[in-house]
Amino acid sequence: MDQEPQSARRTKTPAEIILETPGIPDELKKKLLPIISALTSGGRIMASLIARGPLLGITGSAGKENIQGEEVQTLDRIGQDTFCQLLGETQKVRELLSEEEPLPTLFPQADPDGLLIAMDPLDGSSNISVNASIGSIFAIFSPPPSSDRGEIFGGDKRKLIAGAYILYSASTSFVIAVDQKTYLFTMDPSFGGEFLGTGEPLHFPSGGKIYSTNESYFPLWEKGIQDYITWVKSGRKPVMTSRYIGALVGDLHRNLLKGGIYLYPAEGAPGKNHGKLRLLYEAYPMALICQFAGGIATDGDRSILSIKPGSDLHARVPLIAGPMDLVSEFHTKTGHPL
């Protein structure tokens, strides 16, 4: 019988990484460990359902709209219910904000000092019916001090401590950014669906030549962005190549591994001039993942992580994300140097 390659056995779980990280206080580890277990358990459940979706008849619309006015897919709702239940059972989550609900879900039985989580339970759900990449995105916040807990979802005094996503594709990946590092894990069905990784932090590769954007919106972008897109295709040396999946998780994951810049600029269309992606549960966690991998995410003018959402928990922002060199180049070319 063929032996398993040695490299395949030198792996670590997300829990092992958390336990071995000296920069994470012990009290925080006690909260993060069950939460990460809930996220990966939910990822296993969703990966199985997505793989069998057409056979189960769950790849279509649920016949409803969410708070964003977007059509809810059946798997959107299943993802919402799955992660909500698993996170609530940890008793380490006080409030859960989701793209699918107007207000946070409160867990009265949770630890009073429990964490706050914002999530997009299923990103790129329009890709479901064509078997293309989709994902789940999570932002994990510490709450404000007990004396400042009157505001919903911690107000502006919450602190982002981790960002994560799950990618459902040819394999199922779990990526988490915590304590200044970003890690990648892959679900191994032969180990009960455990997520395993090398334990080595991820870094954007240098010299990336990919740009990811929906160019059908080109006429709606400001001239500086139009000029930049034209330049990367014909004036830049070397020119860049376009790759766009249409799901934030899939596009950013590819660019994180291959080197590339993701762009979802503001559009001039009414209601979209503030961007499309939600700050708390899409832009924030992806910005942290980029930053801890040696990159940066901005709204085209300033760092995403410097933006405060105010009272709108579903606030939208433009998003430019990738390695520092490519994002800096974008800002220089569009007249907004970092």
C-alpha atoms as a PDB file:
ATOM      1  CA  MET A   1       0.000   0.000   0.000  1.00  0.00           C
ATOM      2  CA  ASP A   2       1.309   3.449  -0.904  1.00  0.00           C
ATOM      3  CA  GLN A   3       2.469   5.493   2.039  1.00  0.00           C
ATOM      4  CA  GLU A   4       0.905   8.854   2.692  1.00  0.00           C
ATOM      5  CA  PRO A   5       3.356  11.655   1.760  1.00  0.00           C
ATOM      6  CA  GLN A   6       5.194  12.958   4.790  1.00  0.00           C
ATOM      7  CA  SER A   7       4.212  16.532   3.930  1.00  0.00           C
ATOM      8  CA  ALA A   8       0.525  15.604   4.228  1.00  0.00           C
ATOM      9  CA  ARG A   9       0.994  14.652   7.875  1.00  0.00           C
ATOM     10  CA  ARG A  10       2.787  17.801   9.023  1.00  0.00           C
ATOM     11  CA  THR A  11      -0.405  19.713   9.620  1.00  0.00           C
ATOM     12  CA  LYS A  12      -2.151  21.750  12.298  1.00  0.00           C
ATOM     13  CA  THR A  13      -5.768  22.562  13.034  1.00  0.00           C
ATOM     14  CA  PRO A  14      -7.077  26.109  13.578  1.00  0.00           C
ATOM     15  CA  ALA A  15      -7.422  25.305  17.297  1.00  0.00           C
ATOM     16  CA  GLU A  16      -3.760  24.321  17.518  1.00  0.00           C
ATOM     17  CA  ILE A  17      -2.712  27.594  15.902  1.00  0.00           C
ATOM     18  CA  ILE A  18      -4.799  29.576  18.394  1.00  0.00           C
ATOM     19  CA  LEU A  19      -3.431  27.619  21.364  1.00  0.00           C
ATOM     20  CA  GLU A  20       0.173  28.067  20.200  1.00  0.00           C
ATOM     21  CA  THR A  21      -0.111  31.821  19.586  1.00  0.00           C
ATOM     22  CA  PRO A  22       1.446  33.663  22.550  1.00  0.00           C
ATOM     23  CA  GLY A  23      -0.009  37.019  21.516  1.00  0.00           C
ATOM     24  CA  ILE A  24      -3.585  35.885  22.195  1.00  0.00           C
ATOM     25  CA  PRO A  25      -4.475  36.196  25.909  1.00  0.00           C
ATOM     26  CA  ASP A  26      -5.705  33.013  27.573  1.00  0.00           C
ATOM     27  CA  GLU A  27      -9.136  34.508  28.302  1.00  0.00           C
ATOM     28  CA  LEU A  28      -9.575  35.382  24.646  1.00  0.00           C
ATOM     29  CA  LYS A  29      -8.456  31.894  23.598  1.00  0.00           C
ATOM     30  CA  LYS A  30     -11.243  30.425  25.747  1.00  0.00           C
ATOM     31  CA  LYS A  31     -13.747  32.440  23.709  1.00  0.00           C
ATOM     32  CA  LEU A  32     -12.174  32.015  20.287  1.00  0.00           C
ATOM     33  CA  LEU A  33     -11.713  28.250  20.392  1.00  0.00           C
ATOM     34  CA  PRO A  34     -15.411  27.282  20.589  1.00  0.00           C
ATOM     35  CA  ILE A  35     -16.301  30.006  18.095  1.00  0.00           C
ATOM     36  CA  ILE A  36     -13.773  28.743  15.551  1.00  0.00           C
ATOM     37  CA  SER A  37     -15.013  25.206  16.156  1.00  0.00           C
ATOM     38  CA  ALA A  38     -18.552  26.418  15.392  1.00  0.00           C
ATOM     39  CA  LEU A  39     -17.419  28.134  12.194  1.00  0.00           C
ATOM     40  CA  THR A  40     -15.553  25.091  10.896  1.00  0.00           C
ATOM     41  CA  SER A  41     -18.433  22.786  11.870  1.00  0.00           C
ATOM     42  CA  GLY A  42     -20.783  25.057   9.968  1.00  0.00           C
ATOM     43  CA  GLY A  43     -18.378  25.010   7.039  1.00  0.00           C
ATOM     44  CA  ARG A  44     -18.482  21.215   6.939  1.00  0.00           C
ATOM     45  CA  ILE A  45     -22.283  21.212   7.002  1.00  0.00           C
ATOM     46  CA  MET A  46     -22.555  23.858   4.297  1.00  0.00           C
ATOM     47  CA  ALA A  47     -19.923  22.190   2.093  1.00  0.00           C
ATOM     48  CA  SER A  48     -21.914  18.956   2.185  1.00  0.00           C
ATOM     49  CA  LEU A  49     -25.211  20.693   1.421  1.00  0.00           C
ATOM     50  CA  ILE A  50     -23.717  22.778  -1.385  1.00  0.00           C
ATOM     51  CA  ALA A  51     -22.152  19.690  -2.974  1.00  0.00           C
ATOM     52  CA  ARG A  52     -25.560  17.946  -2.994  1.00  0.00           C
ATOM     53  CA  GLY A  53     -27.631  21.071  -3.579  1.00  0.00           C
ATOM     54  CA  PRO A  54     -29.125  20.164  -6.972  1.00  0.00           C
ATOM     55  CA  LEU A  55     -30.057  16.695  -5.715  1.00  0.00           C
ATOM     56  CA  LEU A  56     -31.683  18.124  -2.584  1.00  0.00           C
ATOM     57  CA  GLY A  57     -33.525  20.830  -4.503  1.00  0.00           C
ATOM     58  CA  ILE A  58     -31.994  23.676  -2.471  1.00  0.00           C
ATOM     59  CA  THR A  59     -30.210  25.682  -5.167  1.00  0.00           C
ATOM     60  CA  GLY A  60     -33.076  28.038  -5.993  1.00  0.00           C
ATOM     61  CA  SER A  61     -34.691  31.145  -4.560  1.00  0.00           C
ATOM     62  CA  ALA A  62     -36.381  31.181  -1.165  1.00  0.00           C
ATOM     63  CA  GLY A  63     -38.963  33.627  -2.540  1.00  0.00           C
ATOM     64  CA  LYS A  64     -37.956  36.457  -0.192  1.00  0.00           C
ATOM     65  CA  GLU A  65     -35.779  39.563  -0.094  1.00  0.00           C
ATOM     66  CA  ASN A  66     -33.273  40.401   2.649  1.00  0.00           C
ATOM     67  CA  ILE A  67     -32.706  43.754   4.357  1.00  0.00           C
ATOM     68  CA  GLN A  68     -30.540  44.760   1.367  1.00  0.00           C
ATOM     69  CA  GLY A  69     -33.406  44.242  -1.080  1.00  0.00           C
ATOM     70  CA  GLU A  70     -31.607  41.231  -2.563  1.00  0.00           C
ATOM     71  CA  GLU A  71     -33.291  37.968  -3.489  1.00  0.00           C
ATOM     72  CA  VAL A  72     -32.645  35.366  -0.789  1.00  0.00           C
ATOM     73  CA  GLN A  73     -31.532  31.954  -2.003  1.00  0.00           C
ATOM     74  CA  THR A  74     -32.579  28.827  -0.112  1.00  0.00           C
ATOM     75  CA  LEU A  75     -28.938  28.165   0.803  1.00  0.00           C
ATOM     76  CA  ASP A  76     -28.632  31.742   2.129  1.00  0.00           C
ATOM     77  CA  ARG A  77     -31.324  30.915   4.664  1.00  0.00           C
ATOM     78  CA  ILE A  78     -29.825  27.539   5.495  1.00  0.00           C
ATOM     79  CA  GLY A  79     -26.431  29.169   6.035  1.00  0.00           C
ATOM     80  CA  GLN A  80     -27.977  31.804   8.286  1.00  0.00           C
ATOM     81  CA  ASP A  81     -29.767  29.225  10.428  1.00  0.00           C
ATOM     82  CA  THR A  82     -26.792  26.840  10.572  1.00  0.00           C
ATOM     83  CA  PHE A  83     -24.193  29.352  11.720  1.00  0.00           C
ATOM     84  CA  CYS A  84     -26.634  31.116  14.053  1.00  0.00           C
ATOM     85  CA  GLN A  85     -27.441  27.873  15.856  1.00  0.00           C
ATOM     86  CA  LEU A  86     -23.839  26.699  16.118  1.00  0.00           C
ATOM     87  CA  LEU A  87     -22.523  30.072  17.298  1.00  0.00           C
ATOM     88  CA  GLY A  88     -25.341  30.443  19.820  1.00  0.00           C
ATOM     89  CA  GLU A  89     -24.545  27.033  21.291  1.00  0.00           C
ATOM     90  CA  THR A  90     -20.996  28.147  22.151  1.00  0.00           C
ATOM     91  CA  GLN A  91     -22.358  30.647  24.713  1.00  0.00           C
ATOM     92  CA  LYS A  92     -19.343  32.785  23.789  1.00  0.00           C
ATOM     93  CA  VAL A  93     -21.218  35.022  21.330  1.00  0.00           C
ATOM     94  CA  ARG A  94     -23.348  37.868  22.733  1.00  0.00           C
ATOM     95  CA  GLU A  95     -24.633  39.270  19.458  1.00  0.00           C
ATOM     96  CA  LEU A  96     -24.655  38.020  15.874  1.00  0.00           C
ATOM     97  CA  LEU A  97     -25.182  40.453  13.002  1.00  0.00           C
ATOM     98  CA  SER A  98     -25.990  38.936   9.614  1.00  0.00           C
ATOM     99  CA  GLU A  99     -26.560  40.159   6.092  1.00  0.00           C
ATOM    100  CA  GLU A 100     -29.845  38.275   6.189  1.00  0.00           C
ATOM    101  CA  GLU A 101     -31.351  40.039   9.232  1.00  0.00           C
ATOM    102  CA  PRO A 102     -31.994  43.752   9.889  1.00  0.00           C
ATOM    103  CA  LEU A 103     -30.923  43.609  13.554  1.00  0.00           C
ATOM    104  CA  PRO A 104     -28.421  41.485  15.474  1.00  0.00           C
ATOM    105  CA  THR A 105     -29.530  38.213  17.040  1.00  0.00           C
ATOM    106  CA  LEU A 106     -29.051  38.366  20.828  1.00  0.00           C
ATOM    107  CA  PHE A 107     -28.031  35.340  22.891  1.00  0.00           C
ATOM    108  CA  PRO A 108     -29.213  36.039  26.475  1.00  0.00           C
ATOM    109  CA  GLN A 109     -27.546  32.900  27.880  1.00  0.00           C
ATOM    110  CA  ALA A 110     -24.123  33.859  26.526  1.00  0.00           C
ATOM    111  CA  ASP A 111     -21.126  34.921  28.568  1.00  0.00           C
ATOM    112  CA  PRO A 112     -21.697  38.624  29.470  1.00  0.00           C
ATOM    113  CA  ASP A 113     -18.200  39.269  28.119  1.00  0.00           C
ATOM    114  CA  GLY A 114     -18.850  37.205  24.999  1.00  0.00           C
ATOM    115  CA  LEU A 115     -17.731  38.329  21.573  1.00  0.00           C
ATOM    116  CA  LEU A 116     -19.680  39.985  18.757  1.00  0.00           C
ATOM    117  CA  ILE A 117     -19.802  38.420  15.299  1.00  0.00           C
ATOM    118  CA  ALA A 118     -20.887  39.886  11.972  1.00  0.00           C
ATOM    119  CA  MET A 119     -21.323  37.520   9.041  1.00  0.00           C
ATOM    120  CA  ASP A 120     -22.344  37.054   5.461  1.00  0.00           C
ATOM    121  CA  PRO A 121     -23.498  33.429   5.720  1.00  0.00           C
ATOM    122  CA  LEU A 122     -23.304  32.835   1.975  1.00  0.00           C
ATOM    123  CA  ASP A 123     -21.337  35.220  -0.240  1.00  0.00           C
ATOM    124  CA  GLY A 124     -21.817  34.978  -4.000  1.00  0.00           C
ATOM    125  CA  SER A 125     -25.072  33.068  -3.786  1.00  0.00           C
ATOM    126  CA  SER A 126     -25.887  33.917  -7.416  1.00  0.00           C
ATOM    127  CA  ASN A 127     -23.141  31.400  -8.264  1.00  0.00           C
ATOM    128  CA  ILE A 128     -24.986  28.524  -6.565  1.00  0.00           C
ATOM    129  CA  SER A 129     -27.031  27.359  -9.534  1.00  0.00           C
ATOM    130  CA  VAL A 130     -23.983  27.208 -11.843  1.00  0.00           C
ATOM    131  CA  ASN A 131     -21.688  25.366  -9.393  1.00  0.00           C
ATOM    132  CA  ALA A 132     -19.188  28.235  -9.135  1.00  0.00           C
ATOM    133  CA  SER A 133     -17.237  29.356  -6.062  1.00  0.00           C
ATOM    134  CA  ILE A 134     -19.149  30.754  -3.086  1.00  0.00           C
ATOM    135  CA  GLY A 135     -18.209  31.409   0.532  1.00  0.00           C
ATOM    136  CA  SER A 136     -19.040  32.530   4.057  1.00  0.00           C
ATOM    137  CA  ILE A 137     -17.438  35.582   5.711  1.00  0.00           C
ATOM    138  CA  PHE A 138     -17.053  36.410   9.408  1.00  0.00           C
ATOM    139  CA  ALA A 139     -15.806  39.358  11.463  1.00  0.00           C
ATOM    140  CA  ILE A 140     -15.133  38.739  15.157  1.00  0.00           C
ATOM    141  CA  PHE A 141     -15.194  41.700  17.540  1.00  0.00           C
ATOM    142  CA  SER A 142     -14.491  42.150  21.211  1.00  0.00           C
ATOM    143  CA  PRO A 143     -17.241  44.152  22.945  1.00  0.00           C
ATOM    144  CA  PRO A 144     -16.674  47.557  24.523  1.00  0.00           C
ATOM    145  CA  PRO A 145     -16.108  47.817  28.279  1.00  0.00           C
ATOM    146  CA  SER A 146     -19.182  46.895  30.322  1.00  0.00           C
ATOM    147  CA  SER A 147     -19.820  50.559  31.129  1.00  0.00           C
ATOM    148  CA  ASP A 148     -20.249  51.339  27.397  1.00  0.00           C
ATOM    149  CA  ARG A 149     -22.577  48.557  26.295  1.00  0.00           C
ATOM    150  CA  GLY A 150     -25.755  50.514  25.762  1.00  0.00           C
ATOM    151  CA  GLU A 151     -25.375  50.793  21.979  1.00  0.00           C
ATOM    152  CA  ILE A 152     -26.531  48.088  19.627  1.00  0.00           C
ATOM    153  CA  PHE A 153     -23.726  45.759  18.526  1.00  0.00           C
ATOM    154  CA  GLY A 154     -21.212  47.669  20.634  1.00  0.00           C
ATOM    155  CA  GLY A 155     -21.467  50.932  18.730  1.00  0.00           C
ATOM    156  CA  ASP A 156     -18.150  52.301  17.497  1.00  0.00           C
ATOM    157  CA  LYS A 157     -16.318  51.006  20.574  1.00  0.00           C
ATOM    158  CA  ARG A 158     -16.251  47.400  19.398  1.00  0.00           C
ATOM    159  CA  LYS A 159     -12.803  46.155  18.349  1.00  0.00           C
ATOM    160  CA  LEU A 160     -12.114  43.883  15.386  1.00  0.00           C
ATOM    161  CA  ILE A 161      -9.925  41.015  16.581  1.00  0.00           C
ATOM    162  CA  ALA A 162     -10.249  38.412  13.813  1.00  0.00           C
ATOM    163  CA  GLY A 163     -11.540  37.960  10.294  1.00  0.00           C
ATOM    164  CA  ALA A 164     -12.303  34.681   8.561  1.00  0.00           C
ATOM    165  CA  TYR A 165     -13.869  33.172   5.493  1.00  0.00           C
ATOM    166  CA  ILE A 166     -14.802  29.740   4.206  1.00  0.00           C
ATOM    167  CA  LEU A 167     -14.476  29.030   0.481  1.00  0.00           C
ATOM    168  CA  TYR A 168     -16.635  26.291  -1.029  1.00  0.00           C
ATOM    169  CA  SER A 169     -15.029  25.216  -4.291  1.00  0.00           C
ATOM    170  CA  ALA A 170     -12.989  22.279  -5.648  1.00  0.00           C
ATOM    171  CA  SER A 171     -11.895  21.958  -2.026  1.00  0.00           C
ATOM    172  CA  THR A 172     -13.258  23.712   1.050  1.00  0.00           C
ATOM    173  CA  SER A 173     -10.862  26.225   2.605  1.00  0.00           C
ATOM    174  CA  PHE A 174     -10.921  28.082   5.917  1.00  0.00           C
ATOM    175  CA  VAL A 175      -8.859  31.267   6.162  1.00  0.00           C
ATOM    176  CA  ILE A 176      -8.487  33.215   9.397  1.00  0.00           C
ATOM    177  CA  ALA A 177      -6.603  36.386  10.296  1.00  0.00           C
ATOM    178  CA  VAL A 178      -5.711  36.745  13.966  1.00  0.00           C
ATOM    179  CA  ASP A 179      -2.815  38.213  15.973  1.00  0.00           C
ATOM    180  CA  GLN A 180      -1.154  39.852  12.946  1.00  0.00           C
ATOM    181  CA  LYS A 181      -1.080  36.665  10.836  1.00  0.00           C
ATOM    182  CA  THR A 182      -3.293  35.034   8.209  1.00  0.00           C
ATOM    183  CA  TYR A 183      -3.592  31.247   7.995  1.00  0.00           C
ATOM    184  CA  LEU A 184      -5.055  28.835   5.433  1.00  0.00           C
ATOM    185  CA  PHE A 185      -6.628  25.452   6.231  1.00  0.00           C
ATOM    186  CA  THR A 186      -8.159  22.858   3.897  1.00  0.00           C
ATOM    187  CA  MET A 187     -10.982  20.503   4.817  1.00  0.00           C
ATOM    188  CA  ASP A 188      -9.821  16.876   4.673  1.00  0.00           C
ATOM    189  CA  PRO A 189     -12.779  14.483   4.221  1.00  0.00           C
ATOM    190  CA  SER A 190     -10.541  11.529   5.130  1.00  0.00           C
ATOM    191  CA  PHE A 191     -10.086  13.015   8.622  1.00  0.00           C
ATOM    192  CA  GLY A 192     -13.750  13.521   9.394  1.00  0.00           C
ATOM    193  CA  GLY A 193     -13.822  16.851   7.604  1.00  0.00           C
ATOM    194  CA  GLU A 194     -11.148  18.374   9.848  1.00  0.00           C
ATOM    195  CA  PHE A 195      -9.576  21.590   8.587  1.00  0.00           C
ATOM    196  CA  LEU A 196      -5.797  21.188   8.352  1.00  0.00           C
ATOM    197  CA  GLY A 197      -2.983  23.547   7.392  1.00  0.00           C
ATOM    198  CA  THR A 198       0.781  23.847   7.500  1.00  0.00           C
ATOM    199  CA  GLY A 199       0.733  26.424  10.278  1.00  0.00           C
ATOM    200  CA  GLU A 200       2.781  28.811   8.129  1.00  0.00           C
ATOM    201  CA  PRO A 201       1.296  32.303   7.726  1.00  0.00           C
ATOM    202  CA  LEU A 202       0.044  33.368   4.306  1.00  0.00           C
ATOM    203  CA  HIS A 203       1.601  36.308   2.471  1.00  0.00           C
ATOM    204  CA  PHE A 204       0.608  37.955  -0.774  1.00  0.00           C
ATOM    205  CA  PRO A 205       3.185  36.979  -3.419  1.00  0.00           C
ATOM    206  CA  SER A 206       5.065  39.839  -5.048  1.00  0.00           C
ATOM    207  CA  GLY A 207       4.763  40.667  -8.714  1.00  0.00           C
ATOM    208  CA  GLY A 208       1.077  39.828  -9.034  1.00  0.00           C
ATOM    209  CA  LYS A 209      -0.487  40.513 -12.433  1.00  0.00           C
ATOM    210  CA  ILE A 210      -4.191  39.820 -11.830  1.00  0.00           C
ATOM    211  CA  TYR A 211      -6.962  42.377 -11.508  1.00  0.00           C
ATOM    212  CA  SER A 212     -10.475  41.320 -10.499  1.00  0.00           C
ATOM    213  CA  THR A 213     -13.446  43.547 -11.181  1.00  0.00           C
ATOM    214  CA  ASN A 214     -16.788  43.589 -12.973  1.00  0.00           C
ATOM    215  CA  GLU A 215     -15.922  45.689 -16.014  1.00  0.00           C
ATOM    216  CA  SER A 216     -19.555  45.949 -17.091  1.00  0.00           C
ATOM    217  CA  TYR A 217     -19.737  48.830 -14.584  1.00  0.00           C
ATOM    218  CA  PHE A 218     -16.908  50.706 -16.355  1.00  0.00           C
ATOM    219  CA  PRO A 219     -19.195  53.530 -17.612  1.00  0.00           C
ATOM    220  CA  LEU A 220     -20.352  54.193 -14.027  1.00  0.00           C
ATOM    221  CA  TRP A 221     -16.881  54.627 -12.504  1.00  0.00           C
ATOM    222  CA  GLU A 222     -15.097  57.924 -12.019  1.00  0.00           C
ATOM    223  CA  LYS A 223     -12.585  58.836 -14.722  1.00  0.00           C
ATOM    224  CA  GLY A 224      -9.515  58.079 -12.605  1.00  0.00           C
ATOM    225  CA  ILE A 225     -10.632  54.472 -12.170  1.00  0.00           C
ATOM    226  CA  GLN A 226     -11.536  54.160 -15.853  1.00  0.00           C
ATOM    227  CA  ASP A 227      -8.059  55.412 -16.781  1.00  0.00           C
ATOM    228  CA  TYR A 228      -6.455  52.950 -14.349  1.00  0.00           C
ATOM    229  CA  ILE A 229      -8.319  49.962 -15.843  1.00  0.00           C
ATOM    230  CA  THR A 230      -7.363  51.047 -19.366  1.00  0.00           C
ATOM    231  CA  TRP A 231      -3.732  51.426 -18.261  1.00  0.00           C
ATOM    232  CA  VAL A 232      -3.394  48.000 -16.601  1.00  0.00           C
ATOM    233  CA  LYS A 233      -4.615  46.375 -19.838  1.00  0.00           C
ATOM    234  CA  SER A 234      -2.479  48.301 -22.316  1.00  0.00           C
ATOM    235  CA  GLY A 235      -0.027  50.777 -20.787  1.00  0.00           C
ATOM    236  CA  ARG A 236       1.361  48.969 -17.752  1.00  0.00           C
ATOM    237  CA  LYS A 237       4.512  46.878 -18.062  1.00  0.00           C
ATOM    238  CA  PRO A 238       3.797  44.054 -17.652  1.00  0.00           C
ATOM    239  CA  VAL A 239       0.132  44.326 -18.507  1.00  0.00           C
ATOM    240  CA  MET A 240      -2.300  42.651 -16.119  1.00  0.00           C
ATOM    241  CA  THR A 241      -4.818  39.913 -16.810  1.00  0.00           C
ATOM    242  CA  SER A 242      -8.462  39.895 -15.723  1.00  0.00           C
ATOM    243  CA  ARG A 243      -9.898  37.142 -13.531  1.00  0.00           C
ATOM    244  CA  TYR A 244     -13.343  37.626 -11.976  1.00  0.00           C
ATOM    245  CA  ILE A 245     -15.520  34.988 -10.304  1.00  0.00           C
ATOM    246  CA  GLY A 246     -18.261  37.259  -9.007  1.00  0.00           C
ATOM    247  CA  ALA A 247     -17.920  36.186  -5.382  1.00  0.00           C
ATOM    248  CA  LEU A 248     -15.756  38.239  -3.025  1.00  0.00           C
ATOM    249  CA  VAL A 249     -14.403  35.154  -1.248  1.00  0.00           C
ATOM    250  CA  GLY A 250     -13.422  33.404  -4.477  1.00  0.00           C
ATOM    251  CA  ASP A 251     -11.800  36.448  -6.060  1.00  0.00           C
ATOM    252  CA  LEU A 252      -9.872  37.521  -2.991  1.00  0.00           C
ATOM    253  CA  HIS A 253      -8.762  33.945  -2.233  1.00  0.00           C
ATOM    254  CA  ARG A 254      -7.263  33.539  -5.699  1.00  0.00           C
ATOM    255  CA  ASN A 255      -5.513  36.893  -5.484  1.00  0.00           C
ATOM    256  CA  LEU A 256      -4.198  36.103  -2.007  1.00  0.00           C
ATOM    257  CA  LEU A 257      -2.537  32.959  -3.362  1.00  0.00           C
ATOM    258  CA  LYS A 258      -1.563  34.175  -6.848  1.00  0.00           C
ATOM    259  CA  GLY A 259      -1.064  37.901  -6.338  1.00  0.00           C
ATOM    260  CA  GLY A 260      -3.674  40.315  -7.592  1.00  0.00           C
ATOM    261  CA  ILE A 261      -5.871  43.298  -6.831  1.00  0.00           C
ATOM    262  CA  TYR A 262      -9.624  43.173  -6.206  1.00  0.00           C
ATOM    263  CA  LEU A 263     -11.705  46.216  -7.147  1.00  0.00           C
ATOM    264  CA  TYR A 264     -15.337  46.992  -6.425  1.00  0.00           C
ATOM    265  CA  PRO A 265     -15.380  50.800  -6.793  1.00  0.00           C
ATOM    266  CA  ALA A 266     -18.266  53.124  -6.083  1.00  0.00           C
ATOM    267  CA  GLU A 267     -20.683  53.492  -8.958  1.00  0.00           C
ATOM    268  CA  GLY A 268     -22.418  56.606 -10.112  1.00  0.00           C
ATOM    269  CA  ALA A 269     -25.812  54.892 -10.168  1.00  0.00           C
ATOM    270  CA  PRO A 270     -28.339  56.144  -7.587  1.00  0.00           C
ATOM    271  CA  GLY A 271     -28.039  54.276  -4.314  1.00  0.00           C
ATOM    272  CA  LYS A 272     -24.671  52.783  -5.224  1.00  0.00           C
ATOM    273  CA  ASN A 273     -22.395  55.789  -4.987  1.00  0.00           C
ATOM    274  CA  HIS A 274     -21.253  54.579  -1.566  1.00  0.00           C
ATOM    275  CA  GLY A 275     -20.191  51.166  -2.839  1.00  0.00           C
ATOM    276  CA  LYS A 276     -21.840  47.756  -2.709  1.00  0.00           C
ATOM    277  CA  LEU A 277     -20.006  45.609  -0.163  1.00  0.00           C
ATOM    278  CA  ARG A 278     -21.047  45.784   3.468  1.00  0.00           C
ATOM    279  CA  LEU A 279     -18.484  47.267   5.834  1.00  0.00           C
ATOM    280  CA  LEU A 280     -18.998  45.192   8.979  1.00  0.00           C
ATOM    281  CA  TYR A 281     -19.249  41.684   7.562  1.00  0.00           C
ATOM    282  CA  GLU A 282     -17.563  41.855   4.153  1.00  0.00           C
ATOM    283  CA  ALA A 283     -15.042  44.692   3.929  1.00  0.00           C
ATOM    284  CA  TYR A 284     -13.795  44.610   7.544  1.00  0.00           C
ATOM    285  CA  PRO A 285     -12.891  40.907   7.739  1.00  0.00           C
ATOM    286  CA  MET A 286     -11.374  40.881   4.258  1.00  0.00           C
ATOM    287  CA  ALA A 287      -9.355  43.996   5.091  1.00  0.00           C
ATOM    288  CA  LEU A 288      -7.935  42.317   8.184  1.00  0.00           C
ATOM    289  CA  ILE A 289      -7.092  39.174   6.210  1.00  0.00           C
ATOM    290  CA  CYS A 290      -5.298  41.313   3.612  1.00  0.00           C
ATOM    291  CA  GLN A 291      -3.433  43.404   6.179  1.00  0.00           C
ATOM    292  CA  PHE A 292      -2.191  40.412   8.150  1.00  0.00           C
ATOM    293  CA  ALA A 293      -1.007  38.858   4.851  1.00  0.00           C
ATOM    294  CA  GLY A 294       1.091  41.925   4.048  1.00  0.00           C
ATOM    295  CA  GLY A 295      -1.510  43.755   1.982  1.00  0.00           C
ATOM    296  CA  ILE A 296      -4.096  46.464   2.460  1.00  0.00           C
ATOM    297  CA  ALA A 297      -7.749  47.211   1.721  1.00  0.00           C
ATOM    298  CA  THR A 298      -9.137  50.692   1.106  1.00  0.00           C
ATOM    299  CA  ASP A 299     -12.290  52.391  -0.121  1.00  0.00           C
ATOM    300  CA  GLY A 300     -10.247  54.117  -2.805  1.00  0.00           C
ATOM    301  CA  ASP A 301      -9.267  56.912  -0.452  1.00  0.00           C
ATOM    302  CA  ARG A 302      -8.534  55.543   3.042  1.00  0.00           C
ATOM    303  CA  SER A 303      -7.924  52.276   4.820  1.00  0.00           C
ATOM    304  CA  ILE A 304     -11.073  50.197   5.324  1.00  0.00           C
ATOM    305  CA  LEU A 305     -10.015  49.505   8.902  1.00  0.00           C
ATOM    306  CA  SER A 306     -10.080  53.251   9.683  1.00  0.00           C
ATOM    307  CA  ILE A 307     -13.747  53.621   8.691  1.00  0.00           C
ATOM    308  CA  LYS A 308     -16.472  53.665  11.332  1.00  0.00           C
ATOM    309  CA  PRO A 309     -19.927  52.490  10.241  1.00  0.00           C
ATOM    310  CA  GLY A 310     -21.929  54.803  12.456  1.00  0.00           C
ATOM    311  CA  SER A 311     -25.485  53.756  13.210  1.00  0.00           C
ATOM    312  CA  ASP A 312     -26.021  51.836   9.954  1.00  0.00           C
ATOM    313  CA  LEU A 313     -25.046  48.233  10.680  1.00  0.00           C
ATOM    314  CA  HIS A 314     -25.403  47.375   6.989  1.00  0.00           C
ATOM    315  CA  ALA A 315     -23.388  50.335   5.666  1.00  0.00           C
ATOM    316  CA  ARG A 316     -21.784  49.803   2.265  1.00  0.00           C
ATOM    317  CA  VAL A 317     -18.348  50.840   1.053  1.00  0.00           C
ATOM    318  CA  PRO A 318     -16.237  50.579  -2.095  1.00  0.00           C
ATOM    319  CA  LEU A 319     -13.444  48.015  -1.752  1.00  0.00           C
ATOM    320  CA  ILE A 320      -9.960  47.934  -3.247  1.00  0.00           C
ATOM    321  CA  ALA A 321      -7.937  45.052  -1.781  1.00  0.00           C
ATOM    322  CA  GLY A 322      -4.686  43.275  -2.475  1.00  0.00           C
ATOM    323  CA  PRO A 323      -0.932  43.378  -1.927  1.00  0.00           C
ATOM    324  CA  MET A 324       0.536  46.685  -0.863  1.00  0.00           C
ATOM    325  CA  ASP A 325       2.368  47.321  -4.142  1.00  0.00           C
ATOM    326  CA  LEU A 326      -0.684  46.870  -6.361  1.00  0.00           C
ATOM    327  CA  VAL A 327      -3.045  48.848  -4.129  1.00  0.00           C
ATOM    328  CA  SER A 328      -0.484  51.664  -3.804  1.00  0.00           C
ATOM    329  CA  GLU A 329      -0.111  51.677  -7.587  1.00  0.00           C
ATOM    330  CA  PHE A 330      -3.897  51.971  -7.946  1.00  0.00           C
ATOM    331  CA  HIS A 331      -4.011  54.910  -5.533  1.00  0.00           C
ATOM    332  CA  THR A 332      -1.176  56.706  -7.301  1.00  0.00           C
ATOM    333  CA  LYS A 333      -2.756  56.260 -10.716  1.00  0.00           C
ATOM    334  CA  THR A 334      -6.185  57.434  -9.532  1.00  0.00           C
ATOM    335  CA  GLY A 335      -4.810  60.515  -7.776  1.00  0.00           C
ATOM    336  CA  HIS A 336      -5.323  59.344  -4.190  1.00  0.00           C
ATOM    337  CA  PRO A 337      -1.845  58.249  -3.033  1.00  0.00           C
ATOM    338  CA  LEU A 338      -1.715  56.255   0.187  1.00  0.00           C
END
